């Protein structure tokens, strides 16, 4: 498993309503594309199942990648996104005379992207792969609380 850190912005950095609209449009487009590909049972890139949990101190991403080896998984952490990618290959014992009754396991290249909306402590990020699951623990940095600014009362000048 390769873990890389990249100090560049992965997607949009302005965190504006336009960014959210673009993000949700992209999610909708991806959902439509994946459902269309599921109907055709063909996909160049697929997205593995994932659980994303957040607490006050940690963001944990758990991805189901059964049948893979650690060295086949690529984990890249950008300033504002975690990207996990790789390629799950089918068993090489393929026989032309074998026919599937069901084919539900996805093979081929995959990619999962998790947008990070809170600052991450890059020095303490950990990743482990066990029993077919990849766990990436991303400790969050404490966010500073907004400070109240005191407005000074201005005394008008008196004319002499």
C-alpha atoms as a PDB file:
ATOM      1  CA  UNK A   1       0.000   0.000   0.000  1.00  0.00           C
ATOM      2  CA  UNK A   2       1.417   3.366  -1.004  1.00  0.00           C
ATOM      3  CA  UNK A   3       0.525   6.460   1.011  1.00  0.00           C
ATOM      4  CA  UNK A   4       1.349   9.816  -0.517  1.00  0.00           C
ATOM      5  CA  UNK A   5       0.779  13.325   0.746  1.00  0.00           C
ATOM      6  CA  UNK A   6       0.206  16.135  -1.697  1.00  0.00           C
ATOM      7  CA  UNK A   7       0.081  19.736  -0.566  1.00  0.00           C
ATOM      8  CA  UNK A   8      -2.170  20.873  -3.351  1.00  0.00           C
ATOM      9  CA  UNK A   9      -5.860  21.532  -3.494  1.00  0.00           C
ATOM     10  CA  UNK A  10      -7.681  18.578  -4.986  1.00  0.00           C
ATOM     11  CA  UNK A  11     -10.943  20.221  -5.964  1.00  0.00           C
ATOM     12  CA  UNK A  12     -12.421  23.619  -5.247  1.00  0.00           C
ATOM     13  CA  UNK A  13     -10.981  25.758  -2.519  1.00  0.00           C
ATOM     14  CA  UNK A  14     -13.436  28.635  -2.142  1.00  0.00           C
ATOM     15  CA  UNK A  15     -16.042  26.611  -0.116  1.00  0.00           C
ATOM     16  CA  UNK A  16     -18.770  28.792  -1.560  1.00  0.00           C
ATOM     17  CA  UNK A  17     -22.368  27.893  -2.457  1.00  0.00           C
ATOM     18  CA  UNK A  18     -21.190  27.512  -6.059  1.00  0.00           C
ATOM     19  CA  UNK A  19     -18.675  24.916  -4.886  1.00  0.00           C
ATOM     20  CA  UNK A  20     -21.388  22.951  -3.101  1.00  0.00           C
ATOM     21  CA  UNK A  21     -23.618  23.137  -6.160  1.00  0.00           C
ATOM     22  CA  UNK A  22     -20.792  21.855  -8.389  1.00  0.00           C
ATOM     23  CA  UNK A  23     -20.035  19.081  -5.890  1.00  0.00           C
ATOM     24  CA  UNK A  24     -23.667  17.917  -5.696  1.00  0.00           C
ATOM     25  CA  UNK A  25     -23.994  18.093  -9.486  1.00  0.00           C
ATOM     26  CA  UNK A  26     -20.902  15.895  -9.762  1.00  0.00           C
ATOM     27  CA  UNK A  27     -22.316  13.440  -7.194  1.00  0.00           C
ATOM     28  CA  UNK A  28     -25.612  13.295  -9.112  1.00  0.00           C
ATOM     29  CA  UNK A  29     -23.766  12.800 -12.396  1.00  0.00           C
ATOM     30  CA  UNK A  30     -21.652  10.007 -10.864  1.00  0.00           C
ATOM     31  CA  UNK A  31     -24.739   8.302  -9.408  1.00  0.00           C
ATOM     32  CA  UNK A  32     -26.498   8.394 -12.779  1.00  0.00           C
ATOM     33  CA  UNK A  33     -23.382   7.134 -14.528  1.00  0.00           C
ATOM     34  CA  UNK A  34     -22.931   4.266 -12.071  1.00  0.00           C
ATOM     35  CA  UNK A  35     -26.586   3.226 -12.287  1.00  0.00           C
ATOM     36  CA  UNK A  36     -26.368   3.296 -16.094  1.00  0.00           C
ATOM     37  CA  UNK A  37     -23.210   1.209 -15.977  1.00  0.00           C
ATOM     38  CA  UNK A  38     -24.837  -1.249 -13.580  1.00  0.00           C
ATOM     39  CA  UNK A  39     -27.613  -1.754 -16.097  1.00  0.00           C
ATOM     40  CA  UNK A  40     -25.071  -2.433 -18.809  1.00  0.00           C
ATOM     41  CA  UNK A  41     -22.915  -4.475 -16.369  1.00  0.00           C
ATOM     42  CA  UNK A  42     -19.864  -2.701 -17.693  1.00  0.00           C
ATOM     43  CA  UNK A  43     -17.732  -0.126 -15.972  1.00  0.00           C
ATOM     44  CA  UNK A  44     -14.263   1.158 -16.632  1.00  0.00           C
ATOM     45  CA  UNK A  45     -13.909   2.482 -13.061  1.00  0.00           C
ATOM     46  CA  UNK A  46     -16.020   1.422 -10.095  1.00  0.00           C
ATOM     47  CA  UNK A  47     -16.390   2.685  -6.530  1.00  0.00           C
ATOM     48  CA  UNK A  48     -15.985   0.207  -3.654  1.00  0.00           C
ATOM     49  CA  UNK A  49     -18.315   0.282  -0.653  1.00  0.00           C
ATOM     50  CA  UNK A  50     -17.151   2.632   2.098  1.00  0.00           C
ATOM     51  CA  UNK A  51     -18.097   3.823   5.570  1.00  0.00           C
ATOM     52  CA  UNK A  52     -17.053   7.353   6.523  1.00  0.00           C
ATOM     53  CA  UNK A  53     -17.344   8.180  10.225  1.00  0.00           C
ATOM     54  CA  UNK A  54     -16.532  11.442  11.959  1.00  0.00           C
ATOM     55  CA  UNK A  55     -16.097  12.316  15.617  1.00  0.00           C
ATOM     56  CA  UNK A  56     -14.813  15.485  17.241  1.00  0.00           C
ATOM     57  CA  UNK A  57     -11.213  14.269  16.980  1.00  0.00           C
ATOM     58  CA  UNK A  58     -11.142  11.807  14.049  1.00  0.00           C
ATOM     59  CA  UNK A  59     -12.420  11.112  10.555  1.00  0.00           C
ATOM     60  CA  UNK A  60     -12.282   7.381   9.768  1.00  0.00           C
ATOM     61  CA  UNK A  61     -12.699   5.938   6.278  1.00  0.00           C
ATOM     62  CA  UNK A  62     -13.289   2.173   6.001  1.00  0.00           C
ATOM     63  CA  UNK A  63     -13.283   0.702   2.476  1.00  0.00           C
ATOM     64  CA  UNK A  64     -14.181  -2.849   1.472  1.00  0.00           C
ATOM     65  CA  UNK A  65     -11.416  -4.224  -0.799  1.00  0.00           C
ATOM     66  CA  UNK A  66     -11.652  -7.992  -0.403  1.00  0.00           C
ATOM     67  CA  UNK A  67      -9.181 -10.111  -2.335  1.00  0.00           C
ATOM     68  CA  UNK A  68      -6.542  -7.412  -2.756  1.00  0.00           C
ATOM     69  CA  UNK A  69      -2.983  -7.136  -1.490  1.00  0.00           C
ATOM     70  CA  UNK A  70      -1.636  -4.045   0.275  1.00  0.00           C
ATOM     71  CA  UNK A  71       0.742  -3.240  -2.577  1.00  0.00           C
ATOM     72  CA  UNK A  72      -2.186  -3.058  -5.022  1.00  0.00           C
ATOM     73  CA  UNK A  73      -3.827  -0.183  -3.099  1.00  0.00           C
ATOM     74  CA  UNK A  74      -2.797   3.451  -3.600  1.00  0.00           C
ATOM     75  CA  UNK A  75      -3.750   6.009  -0.923  1.00  0.00           C
ATOM     76  CA  UNK A  76      -3.174   9.707  -1.688  1.00  0.00           C
ATOM     77  CA  UNK A  77      -3.954  12.506   0.743  1.00  0.00           C
ATOM     78  CA  UNK A  78      -4.421  15.977  -0.701  1.00  0.00           C
ATOM     79  CA  UNK A  79      -5.056  19.145   1.307  1.00  0.00           C
ATOM     80  CA  UNK A  80      -8.804  18.745   0.921  1.00  0.00           C
ATOM     81  CA  UNK A  81      -9.385  15.156  -0.239  1.00  0.00           C
ATOM     82  CA  UNK A  82      -8.457  11.535   0.350  1.00  0.00           C
ATOM     83  CA  UNK A  83      -8.212   9.445  -2.831  1.00  0.00           C
ATOM     84  CA  UNK A  84      -7.965   5.640  -2.723  1.00  0.00           C
ATOM     85  CA  UNK A  85      -7.432   3.823  -6.004  1.00  0.00           C
ATOM     86  CA  UNK A  86      -6.185   0.533  -7.398  1.00  0.00           C
ATOM     87  CA  UNK A  87      -7.084  -2.357  -9.628  1.00  0.00           C
ATOM     88  CA  UNK A  88      -8.774  -5.560  -8.415  1.00  0.00           C
ATOM     89  CA  UNK A  89      -7.946  -8.356 -10.826  1.00  0.00           C
ATOM     90  CA  UNK A  90     -10.029 -11.428 -11.516  1.00  0.00           C
ATOM     91  CA  UNK A  91      -8.609 -14.882 -10.796  1.00  0.00           C
ATOM     92  CA  UNK A  92      -6.165 -15.893 -13.544  1.00  0.00           C
ATOM     93  CA  UNK A  93      -7.731 -19.365 -13.705  1.00  0.00           C
ATOM     94  CA  UNK A  94     -10.227 -18.145 -16.310  1.00  0.00           C
ATOM     95  CA  UNK A  95     -11.547 -20.917 -18.533  1.00  0.00           C
ATOM     96  CA  UNK A  96     -13.417 -20.220 -21.767  1.00  0.00           C
ATOM     97  CA  UNK A  97     -15.801 -23.103 -21.031  1.00  0.00           C
ATOM     98  CA  UNK A  98     -16.962 -21.651 -17.692  1.00  0.00           C
ATOM     99  CA  UNK A  99     -20.223 -19.686 -17.522  1.00  0.00           C
ATOM    100  CA  UNK A 100     -21.368 -17.478 -14.662  1.00  0.00           C
ATOM    101  CA  UNK A 101     -24.759 -17.974 -13.036  1.00  0.00           C
ATOM    102  CA  UNK A 102     -24.222 -14.676 -11.210  1.00  0.00           C
ATOM    103  CA  UNK A 103     -21.455 -12.084 -11.454  1.00  0.00           C
ATOM    104  CA  UNK A 104     -21.740  -9.581  -8.606  1.00  0.00           C
ATOM    105  CA  UNK A 105     -18.102  -9.041  -7.625  1.00  0.00           C
ATOM    106  CA  UNK A 106     -16.581  -5.993  -9.311  1.00  0.00           C
ATOM    107  CA  UNK A 107     -13.134  -6.218 -10.902  1.00  0.00           C
ATOM    108  CA  UNK A 108     -10.945  -3.710 -12.663  1.00  0.00           C
ATOM    109  CA  UNK A 109      -9.751  -0.231 -11.721  1.00  0.00           C
ATOM    110  CA  UNK A 110     -11.489   1.512  -8.834  1.00  0.00           C
ATOM    111  CA  UNK A 111     -11.378   4.939  -7.241  1.00  0.00           C
ATOM    112  CA  UNK A 112     -12.965   6.502  -4.179  1.00  0.00           C
ATOM    113  CA  UNK A 113     -12.713  10.190  -3.287  1.00  0.00           C
ATOM    114  CA  UNK A 114     -13.516  11.640   0.125  1.00  0.00           C
ATOM    115  CA  UNK A 115     -13.672  15.420   0.389  1.00  0.00           C
ATOM    116  CA  UNK A 116     -12.136  16.715   3.616  1.00  0.00           C
ATOM    117  CA  UNK A 117     -14.042  19.697   4.936  1.00  0.00           C
ATOM    118  CA  UNK A 118     -12.078  19.997   8.201  1.00  0.00           C
ATOM    119  CA  UNK A 119      -8.304  20.468   8.591  1.00  0.00           C
ATOM    120  CA  UNK A 120      -6.394  17.190   9.053  1.00  0.00           C
ATOM    121  CA  UNK A 121      -3.311  16.547  11.213  1.00  0.00           C
ATOM    122  CA  UNK A 122      -1.126  15.184   8.392  1.00  0.00           C
ATOM    123  CA  UNK A 123       1.620  13.958  10.741  1.00  0.00           C
ATOM    124  CA  UNK A 124      -0.701  11.483  12.475  1.00  0.00           C
ATOM    125  CA  UNK A 125      -2.628   9.953   9.564  1.00  0.00           C
ATOM    126  CA  UNK A 126      -2.570   6.144   9.644  1.00  0.00           C
ATOM    127  CA  UNK A 127      -3.715   3.468   7.191  1.00  0.00           C
ATOM    128  CA  UNK A 128      -4.015  -0.282   7.719  1.00  0.00           C
ATOM    129  CA  UNK A 129      -5.343  -3.142   5.636  1.00  0.00           C
ATOM    130  CA  UNK A 130      -6.745  -6.203   7.378  1.00  0.00           C
ATOM    131  CA  UNK A 131      -9.351  -8.854   6.588  1.00  0.00           C
ATOM    132  CA  UNK A 132     -10.269  -7.244   3.261  1.00  0.00           C
ATOM    133  CA  UNK A 133     -10.868  -3.761   4.691  1.00  0.00           C
ATOM    134  CA  UNK A 134      -8.739  -0.640   4.354  1.00  0.00           C
ATOM    135  CA  UNK A 135      -8.943   1.685   7.370  1.00  0.00           C
ATOM    136  CA  UNK A 136      -7.656   5.263   7.057  1.00  0.00           C
ATOM    137  CA  UNK A 137      -7.692   7.295  10.279  1.00  0.00           C
ATOM    138  CA  UNK A 138      -7.477  11.046   9.729  1.00  0.00           C
ATOM    139  CA  UNK A 139      -7.115  12.990  12.998  1.00  0.00           C
ATOM    140  CA  UNK A 140      -8.716  16.404  12.729  1.00  0.00           C
ATOM    141  CA  UNK A 141      -7.125  19.600  13.974  1.00  0.00           C
ATOM    142  CA  UNK A 142      -9.095  21.615  16.510  1.00  0.00           C
ATOM    143  CA  UNK A 143     -10.820  24.476  14.808  1.00  0.00           C
ATOM    144  CA  UNK A 144     -10.425  27.877  16.335  1.00  0.00           C
ATOM    145  CA  UNK A 145     -13.575  29.331  17.761  1.00  0.00           C
ATOM    146  CA  UNK A 146     -14.723  32.640  16.326  1.00  0.00           C
ATOM    147  CA  UNK A 147     -13.669  35.573  18.444  1.00  0.00           C
ATOM    148  CA  UNK A 148     -16.038  38.343  19.276  1.00  0.00           C
ATOM    149  CA  UNK A 149     -14.768  41.748  18.216  1.00  0.00           C
ATOM    150  CA  UNK A 150     -15.612  44.657  20.472  1.00  0.00           C
ATOM    151  CA  UNK A 151     -16.982  47.691  18.655  1.00  0.00           C
ATOM    152  CA  UNK A 152     -15.549  50.870  20.008  1.00  0.00           C
ATOM    153  CA  UNK A 153     -17.954  53.713  20.635  1.00  0.00           C
ATOM    154  CA  UNK A 154     -16.789  56.823  18.975  1.00  0.00           C
ATOM    155  CA  UNK A 155     -17.394  60.101  20.727  1.00  0.00           C
ATOM    156  CA  UNK A 156     -18.358  62.824  18.247  1.00  0.00           C
ATOM    157  CA  UNK A 157     -16.095  65.860  18.189  1.00  0.00           C
ATOM    158  CA  UNK A 158     -17.570  68.977  19.673  1.00  0.00           C
ATOM    159  CA  UNK A 159     -17.203  72.225  17.806  1.00  0.00           C
ATOM    160  CA  UNK A 160     -15.475  75.031  19.639  1.00  0.00           C
END
